[in-house]
Amino acid sequence: MAVELRFKCNRAKDDYIVVDSIEHSKEVLLDIVINEAELGIYLDIPTAIKLSKKIRTEINKVKEVSNG
């Protein structure tokens, strides 16, 4: 049995994102659940890399403000 890692929303306790890979199609799946409605977004590899870089950039901005 696999363990599913859910990235919980900070503002709505039942909302979350699950990230998974789709190996046969070389995609990354973002499974987003908001108010019990589920939405799947399939990203190609270059787009997934851009998203991860953007998330890191935004995290660093938040860290700068909280350290400032």
Protein backbone atom coordinates (compact mmCIF):
# COMPACT_ATOMS: atom_id res chain seq x y z
CA MET A 1 0.00 0.00 0.00
CA ALA A 2 1.48 3.33 -1.08
CA VAL A 3 1.46 6.40 1.11
CA GLU A 4 -0.06 9.46 -0.54
CA LEU A 5 1.63 12.76 0.31
CA ARG A 6 -0.90 15.58 0.38
CA PHE A 7 0.18 19.20 0.31
CA LYS A 8 -2.41 20.80 2.56
CA CYS A 9 -3.84 24.26 2.04
CA ASN A 10 -2.88 26.72 4.75
CA ARG A 11 -6.30 28.41 4.68
CA ALA A 12 -8.81 25.62 4.02
CA LYS A 13 -8.17 22.44 6.01
CA ASP A 14 -9.82 20.04 3.53
CA ASP A 15 -8.13 21.41 0.38
CA TYR A 16 -4.91 19.85 -0.88
CA ILE A 17 -2.68 18.99 -3.85
CA VAL A 18 -1.21 15.59 -4.69
CA VAL A 19 1.71 15.38 -7.12
CA ASP A 20 2.30 12.19 -9.11
CA SER A 21 4.20 11.11 -12.21
CA ILE A 22 2.65 9.52 -15.27
CA GLU A 23 5.59 7.50 -16.57
CA HIS A 24 4.15 6.16 -19.84
CA SER A 25 3.26 9.67 -21.02
CA LYS A 26 6.19 11.49 -19.35
CA GLU A 27 3.89 13.89 -17.51
CA VAL A 28 3.54 15.19 -13.99
CA LEU A 29 0.01 15.19 -12.56
CA LEU A 30 -1.17 17.82 -10.10
CA ASP A 31 -4.35 16.49 -8.53
CA ILE A 32 -6.00 19.51 -6.86
CA VAL A 33 -8.92 19.12 -4.45
CA ILE A 34 -10.88 22.24 -3.47
CA ASN A 35 -14.20 22.05 -1.64
CA GLU A 36 -14.29 18.31 -2.43
CA ALA A 37 -14.12 19.08 -6.19
CA GLU A 38 -11.19 17.37 -7.91
CA LEU A 39 -9.20 18.76 -10.81
CA GLY A 40 -6.28 17.09 -12.55
CA ILE A 41 -3.65 19.13 -14.34
CA TYR A 42 -1.12 17.30 -16.51
CA LEU A 43 2.20 19.08 -17.05
CA ASP A 44 4.90 18.16 -19.52
CA ILE A 45 8.43 17.98 -18.11
CA PRO A 46 9.60 21.49 -19.15
CA THR A 47 6.46 23.07 -17.69
CA ALA A 48 6.80 21.10 -14.44
CA ILE A 49 10.41 22.30 -14.14
CA LYS A 50 9.34 25.93 -14.71
CA LEU A 51 6.62 25.55 -12.07
CA SER A 52 9.06 24.14 -9.52
CA LYS A 53 11.48 27.04 -10.15
CA LYS A 54 8.65 29.56 -9.79
CA ILE A 55 7.55 27.98 -6.51
CA ARG A 56 11.13 28.16 -5.17
CA THR A 57 11.36 31.82 -6.20
CA GLU A 58 8.11 32.66 -4.41
CA ILE A 59 9.23 30.77 -1.27
CA ASN A 60 12.45 32.80 -1.21
CA LYS A 61 10.47 36.04 -1.52
CA VAL A 62 8.29 35.05 1.46
CA LYS A 63 11.38 34.11 3.48
CA GLU A 64 12.98 37.51 2.74
CA VAL A 65 9.89 39.37 3.94
CA SER A 66 9.66 37.31 7.15
CA ASN A 67 13.39 37.77 7.81
CA GLY A 68 13.35 41.45 6.86
